[in-house]
Amino acid sequence: MKTLNRILTLLLLILSCSCDDILEEDITDDTIQTTFPTEGIIVEGNITQFTWQNLDGADNYRVQVLNENQIVEVDSLVTVNTASLTLEPGTYQWRVRGENFAYNTSYSFPVNFSTQASTNLDDQEVSLLSPSNNLYSKNINTIYTWTRLASATSYNFELVKKLNGEQTIFQETEVTNGNITLDATLFDEDAEYIWKVKALNATSESQFSQRSFFLDRVAPNQPSLASPTDQDTTTTMVTFNWVNGTDTGNVESEITNTIDIANDSDFNSIIFSVETLNNSVDYEFDSVGTYYWRIKAIDAATNESDYSIVRSLVVE
């Protein structure tokens, strides 16, 4: 019976993929017309806006930018017919292709262009490097880095704490490097922290570029088990259900649950373990006997809850 179930599952997966192929439009022989940058154009500044014509049947577009050594500098997947990319001064070539679930076009004919630094910073952007945007972490980030602009002489840096409103907790002007190190004592509580950088020279300045990161050092509460009940008797196919523990901290992030199933109550012999965003997992046992299960929750900042209580079940 178990072998038959596996065969049926495999057939369903094959049919599902086949249906997706049938429903998706075949765009293999289509081509995409690029509109900007055009052949040989020189773009001033560090931001280049790439545009092309929409293609019916394409769900996404893959934009590639190659440097003068034909090495891919940027490989970006977007859902619209435009992409704003940050590039250093230099000579480049770009191309784009359309994609959907089942098919993709060939890349468009390569277009050569170049970028050069502009002394006017008004329309330029500082490209922030680390920490990454919307990062959840239980560790304090003290080092912040960004890409320097060719025409900038200095940078202004700001750190804002967002918790029941926004409060600027640190400012530094005339930073000449592409990084800054902050005192860990600035991060006095769990919260969203927004860091901002703008470039300046003698005649102009850019707008602030900004990112957020979330400091979260509070673990989720212990999950509670729902079903099957302790010492329940069941068949080989079992649905396990539980309730997430609540997150009582200032920052609440997505919780991932880990279920462990073992042959022994000490979980020295775990036969199944999986992470899921759900509160339910199906599992089919290979043989009859007594088994034990437990749940642990982990949030996006990698804070871990205590394990739930352990329950046993008897598979007949």
Protein backbone atom coordinates (compact mmCIF):
# COMPACT_ATOMS: atom_id res chain seq x y z
CA MET A 1 0.00 0.00 0.00
CA LYS A 2 2.85 2.39 0.89
CA THR A 3 4.55 1.73 -2.47
CA LEU A 4 1.26 2.40 -4.27
CA ASN A 5 0.86 5.70 -2.41
CA ARG A 6 4.34 6.78 -3.45
CA ILE A 7 3.62 5.93 -7.10
CA LEU A 8 0.37 7.88 -7.01
CA THR A 9 2.14 10.86 -5.43
CA LEU A 10 4.82 10.78 -8.15
CA LEU A 11 2.18 10.63 -10.87
CA LEU A 12 0.37 13.61 -9.37
CA LEU A 13 3.60 15.62 -9.34
CA ILE A 14 4.29 14.74 -12.99
CA LEU A 15 0.75 15.69 -14.00
CA SER A 16 1.04 18.95 -12.03
CA CYS A 17 4.25 19.92 -13.82
CA SER A 18 2.77 18.91 -17.18
CA CYS A 19 -0.30 21.09 -16.53
CA ASP A 20 1.94 24.06 -15.72
CA ASP A 21 3.79 23.52 -18.99
CA ILE A 22 0.51 23.42 -20.89
CA LEU A 23 -0.88 26.55 -19.21
CA GLU A 24 2.28 28.60 -19.71
CA GLU A 25 2.70 30.33 -23.08
CA ASP A 26 5.64 29.10 -25.12
CA ILE A 27 7.85 32.19 -25.53
CA THR A 28 10.93 30.32 -26.72
CA ASP A 29 10.94 31.89 -30.20
CA ASP A 30 10.01 35.42 -29.05
CA THR A 31 12.49 38.27 -28.79
CA ILE A 32 12.62 41.30 -26.51
CA GLN A 33 13.24 44.81 -27.85
CA THR A 34 15.51 46.88 -25.60
CA THR A 35 14.90 50.64 -25.35
CA PHE A 36 17.54 52.06 -22.95
CA PRO A 37 20.52 52.27 -22.72
CA THR A 38 21.02 52.38 -26.47
CA GLU A 39 24.14 51.33 -28.36
CA GLY A 40 27.19 53.51 -27.54
CA ILE A 41 25.43 55.85 -25.09
CA ILE A 42 27.32 57.33 -22.12
CA VAL A 43 25.33 57.40 -18.87
CA GLU A 44 26.38 59.96 -16.26
CA GLY A 45 26.12 59.05 -12.61
CA ASN A 46 26.10 55.76 -10.75
CA ILE A 47 22.46 54.78 -11.43
CA THR A 48 21.45 53.36 -14.83
CA GLN A 49 17.78 52.86 -15.67
CA PHE A 50 17.34 49.87 -17.99
CA THR A 51 14.10 49.62 -19.98
CA TRP A 52 12.66 47.27 -22.62
CA GLN A 53 9.32 46.47 -24.22
CA ASN A 54 6.85 44.21 -22.44
CA LEU A 55 6.48 40.68 -23.77
CA ASP A 56 3.15 38.86 -23.58
CA GLY A 57 3.61 35.54 -21.81
CA ALA A 58 6.65 36.61 -19.78
CA ASP A 59 6.18 36.60 -16.00
CA ASN A 60 9.71 37.78 -15.23
CA TYR A 61 12.69 39.33 -16.96
CA ARG A 62 16.33 38.48 -16.35
CA VAL A 63 18.69 41.42 -16.86
CA GLN A 64 22.41 40.82 -17.22
CA VAL A 65 25.16 43.44 -17.29
CA LEU A 66 28.64 42.33 -18.37
CA ASN A 67 31.87 44.29 -17.94
CA GLU A 68 34.46 44.86 -20.64
CA ASN A 69 36.00 41.45 -19.86
CA GLN A 70 32.63 39.77 -20.54
CA ILE A 71 32.23 38.91 -16.87
CA VAL A 72 28.68 39.18 -15.51
CA GLU A 73 28.55 42.10 -13.08
CA VAL A 74 24.79 42.00 -12.48
CA ASP A 75 22.23 39.22 -12.89
CA SER A 76 18.85 40.51 -11.76
CA LEU A 77 15.37 38.98 -12.02
CA VAL A 78 12.51 41.50 -12.09
CA THR A 79 8.76 41.35 -12.73
CA VAL A 80 8.45 44.62 -14.68
CA ASN A 81 10.06 45.97 -17.86
CA THR A 82 12.52 48.23 -16.06
CA ALA A 83 15.43 47.88 -13.67
CA SER A 84 17.42 50.54 -11.82
CA LEU A 85 20.98 49.32 -11.25
CA THR A 86 24.05 50.79 -9.57
CA LEU A 87 27.23 50.64 -11.67
CA GLU A 88 30.77 51.94 -11.24
CA PRO A 89 32.23 54.10 -14.05
CA GLY A 90 33.26 51.80 -16.90
CA THR A 91 32.35 50.09 -20.16
CA TYR A 92 29.51 47.58 -20.16
CA GLN A 93 27.22 45.43 -22.26
CA TRP A 94 23.67 44.50 -21.32
CA ARG A 95 20.98 42.07 -22.40
CA VAL A 96 17.60 40.83 -21.18
CA ARG A 97 15.39 37.78 -21.64
CA GLY A 98 11.80 36.90 -20.75
CA GLU A 99 10.92 33.97 -18.51
CA ASN A 100 7.89 32.11 -17.23
CA PHE A 101 7.50 28.85 -15.30
CA ALA A 102 8.14 26.62 -18.29
CA TYR A 103 9.92 28.68 -20.95
CA ASN A 104 12.34 31.53 -21.59
CA THR A 105 13.33 33.55 -24.62
CA SER A 106 16.85 33.94 -25.88
CA TYR A 107 18.72 36.96 -24.59
CA SER A 108 18.27 40.16 -26.57
CA PHE A 109 21.08 41.32 -28.84
CA PRO A 110 23.85 42.72 -26.58
CA VAL A 111 23.97 46.52 -26.28
CA ASN A 112 27.23 48.30 -25.48
CA PHE A 113 27.23 51.40 -23.26
CA SER A 114 29.42 53.12 -20.70
CA THR A 115 29.00 55.04 -17.49
CA GLN A 116 31.02 57.96 -16.19
CA ALA A 117 31.13 59.78 -12.90
CA SER A 118 29.16 62.99 -12.55
CA THR A 119 30.13 65.79 -10.19
CA ASN A 120 26.43 66.41 -9.57
CA LEU A 121 25.29 64.09 -6.77
CA ASP A 122 21.64 65.22 -6.80
CA ASP A 123 20.41 62.23 -8.85
CA GLN A 124 22.90 59.67 -7.57
CA GLU A 125 22.41 57.07 -4.83
CA VAL A 126 24.71 55.59 -2.24
CA SER A 127 24.62 51.81 -2.56
CA LEU A 128 24.43 50.30 0.93
CA LEU A 129 26.29 47.02 1.44
CA SER A 130 25.92 45.66 4.97
CA PRO A 131 24.03 44.84 7.05
CA SER A 132 21.48 43.63 4.50
CA ASN A 133 18.04 45.18 4.30
CA ASN A 134 15.32 43.93 6.67
CA LEU A 135 17.78 41.67 8.48
CA TYR A 136 16.53 40.06 11.69
CA SER A 137 19.34 39.35 14.12
CA LYS A 138 19.90 38.63 17.80
CA ASN A 139 23.39 40.11 17.49
CA ILE A 140 24.10 43.84 17.47
CA ASN A 141 25.38 45.17 14.14
CA THR A 142 28.12 47.72 14.81
CA ILE A 143 29.82 47.94 11.38
CA TYR A 144 27.98 49.61 8.48
CA THR A 145 29.40 49.72 4.94
CA TRP A 146 28.49 51.29 1.62
CA THR A 147 29.94 51.82 -1.86
CA ARG A 148 31.79 55.12 -2.26
CA LEU A 149 30.80 57.48 -5.08
CA ALA A 150 33.56 58.75 -7.35
CA SER A 151 32.53 62.40 -6.98
CA ALA A 152 31.74 62.37 -3.26
CA THR A 153 34.13 63.93 -0.76
CA SER A 154 32.28 62.89 2.40
CA TYR A 155 29.19 61.16 3.75
CA ASN A 156 26.59 61.84 6.41
CA PHE A 157 25.40 58.90 8.52
CA GLU A 158 22.29 58.63 10.67
CA LEU A 159 20.90 55.88 12.90
CA VAL A 160 17.21 55.93 13.82
CA LYS A 161 15.46 53.73 16.38
CA LYS A 162 11.86 52.93 15.40
CA LEU A 163 9.80 51.81 18.37
CA ASN A 164 6.54 53.60 19.17
CA GLY A 165 7.75 56.37 16.87
CA GLU A 166 11.11 57.26 15.36
CA GLN A 167 14.06 58.66 17.29
CA THR A 168 17.42 59.67 15.79
CA ILE A 169 19.98 58.23 18.20
CA PHE A 170 23.22 58.86 16.31
CA GLN A 171 24.54 61.24 13.63
CA GLU A 172 27.98 61.58 12.08
CA THR A 173 28.98 64.09 9.38
CA GLU A 174 32.04 64.31 7.14
CA VAL A 175 32.70 60.58 7.11
CA THR A 176 35.40 60.07 4.46
CA ASN A 177 35.45 56.26 4.38
CA GLY A 178 32.89 53.81 3.05
CA ASN A 179 32.14 52.47 6.51
CA ILE A 180 31.50 53.43 10.10
CA THR A 181 31.72 51.55 13.40
CA LEU A 182 29.14 52.30 16.09
CA ASP A 183 29.20 51.79 19.84
CA ALA A 184 27.13 48.78 20.85
CA THR A 185 25.58 50.75 23.72
CA LEU A 186 23.51 52.70 21.17
CA PHE A 187 21.36 49.60 20.74
CA ASP A 188 19.80 49.67 24.18
CA GLU A 189 16.66 47.65 23.37
CA ASP A 190 15.15 45.38 20.79
CA ALA A 191 13.66 47.48 17.98
CA GLU A 192 13.78 48.26 14.28
CA TYR A 193 16.89 50.32 13.52
CA ILE A 194 17.08 52.38 10.33
CA TRP A 195 20.50 53.45 9.05
CA LYS A 196 20.93 56.16 6.45
CA VAL A 197 23.82 57.42 4.32
CA LYS A 198 24.06 60.31 1.88
CA ALA A 199 26.99 61.58 -0.19
CA LEU A 200 28.21 65.17 -0.41
CA ASN A 201 30.71 67.28 -2.30
CA ALA A 202 31.30 71.04 -2.53
CA THR A 203 28.35 71.71 -4.85
CA SER A 204 25.75 68.96 -4.38
CA GLU A 205 24.50 66.11 -2.23
CA SER A 206 22.53 62.93 -2.79
CA GLN A 207 19.35 61.89 -1.05
CA PHE A 208 19.67 59.56 1.92
CA SER A 209 19.80 55.85 1.11
CA GLN A 210 18.41 53.75 3.94
CA ARG A 211 17.98 50.22 5.21
CA SER A 212 16.36 48.62 8.23
CA PHE A 213 17.51 45.86 10.50
CA PHE A 214 15.64 44.35 13.43
CA LEU A 215 17.36 43.58 16.72
CA ASP A 216 15.46 40.72 18.35
CA ARG A 217 16.88 38.89 21.36
CA VAL A 218 13.64 37.42 22.74
CA ALA A 219 12.91 33.77 22.01
CA PRO A 220 9.41 32.57 21.13
CA ASN A 221 7.48 30.90 23.93
CA GLN A 222 7.26 27.14 24.11
CA PRO A 223 4.87 25.62 21.53
CA SER A 224 1.97 23.50 22.76
CA LEU A 225 0.97 20.19 21.21
CA ALA A 226 -2.59 19.68 19.96
CA SER A 227 -2.95 16.24 18.39
CA PRO A 228 -2.49 13.35 18.51
CA THR A 229 -3.00 13.19 22.27
CA ASP A 230 -0.43 11.54 24.51
CA GLN A 231 -0.31 7.74 24.23
CA ASP A 232 -2.84 7.84 21.42
CA THR A 233 -3.22 4.75 19.25
CA THR A 234 -3.19 5.41 15.50
CA THR A 235 -2.56 4.01 12.05
CA THR A 236 0.66 4.44 10.08
CA MET A 237 -0.44 7.76 8.51
CA VAL A 238 -0.53 10.48 11.17
CA THR A 239 -1.26 14.22 11.09
CA PHE A 240 0.60 16.12 13.81
CA ASN A 241 -0.86 19.46 14.96
CA TRP A 242 0.41 22.08 17.39
CA VAL A 243 0.06 25.74 18.44
CA ASN A 244 2.92 28.25 18.14
CA GLY A 245 4.24 29.92 21.23
CA THR A 246 3.63 33.67 21.31
CA ASP A 247 6.41 36.20 20.78
CA THR A 248 6.36 38.72 23.63
CA GLY A 249 9.31 40.87 22.51
CA ASN A 250 9.36 44.32 20.89
CA VAL A 251 10.14 42.72 17.53
CA GLU A 252 7.99 39.88 16.20
CA SER A 253 9.25 37.92 13.21
CA GLU A 254 8.19 34.87 11.24
CA ILE A 255 8.37 31.64 13.21
CA THR A 256 9.62 28.36 11.80
CA ASN A 257 8.69 25.14 13.60
CA THR A 258 10.82 22.01 13.82
CA ILE A 259 9.12 18.69 14.51
CA ASP A 260 11.17 15.71 15.69
CA ILE A 261 9.90 12.13 15.75
CA ALA A 262 11.99 9.50 17.51
CA ASN A 263 12.04 5.88 18.64
CA ASP A 264 12.97 6.87 22.19
CA SER A 265 11.81 9.51 24.67
CA ASP A 266 15.33 11.01 24.91
CA PHE A 267 15.42 11.56 21.11
CA ASN A 268 18.73 9.79 20.69
CA SER A 269 17.27 8.03 17.63
CA ILE A 270 15.38 10.62 15.59
CA ILE A 271 13.71 9.04 12.55
CA PHE A 272 12.15 12.21 11.13
CA SER A 273 12.85 15.93 11.51
CA VAL A 274 11.62 18.77 9.33
CA GLU A 275 11.25 22.56 9.48
CA THR A 276 7.95 24.14 8.46
CA LEU A 277 6.11 27.45 8.61
CA ASN A 278 2.89 25.52 9.17
CA ASN A 279 1.37 24.14 12.35
CA SER A 280 0.70 20.72 10.88
CA VAL A 281 2.75 17.90 9.34
CA ASP A 282 1.75 14.55 7.86
CA TYR A 283 4.02 11.55 8.38
CA GLU A 284 3.66 7.89 7.39
CA PHE A 285 5.40 5.39 9.65
CA ASP A 286 7.23 2.40 8.19
CA SER A 287 6.45 0.03 11.04
CA VAL A 288 4.30 -0.40 14.10
CA GLY A 289 5.58 0.52 17.55
CA THR A 290 5.78 3.33 20.09
CA TYR A 291 7.10 6.71 18.94
CA TYR A 292 7.74 10.11 20.51
CA TRP A 293 7.35 13.64 19.10
CA ARG A 294 8.13 17.22 20.07
CA ILE A 295 8.14 20.72 18.56
CA LYS A 296 10.57 23.64 18.76
CA ALA A 297 10.00 27.19 17.42
CA ILE A 298 12.70 29.44 15.95
CA ASP A 299 12.18 33.01 14.78
CA ALA A 300 13.83 34.91 11.91
CA ALA A 301 16.55 36.17 14.27
CA THR A 302 17.41 32.51 15.13
CA ASN A 303 16.07 32.75 18.69
CA GLU A 304 14.91 29.28 19.72
CA SER A 305 12.12 28.34 22.09
CA ASP A 306 12.27 25.53 24.59
CA TYR A 307 11.08 22.21 23.24
CA SER A 308 7.43 21.42 23.80
CA ILE A 309 6.49 18.63 26.14
CA VAL A 310 7.09 15.18 24.67
CA ARG A 311 4.16 13.01 23.64
CA SER A 312 4.12 9.37 22.68
CA LEU A 313 1.88 7.51 20.27
CA VAL A 314 1.40 3.86 19.43
CA VAL A 315 1.29 2.93 15.75
CA GLU A 316 -0.61 -0.30 15.13
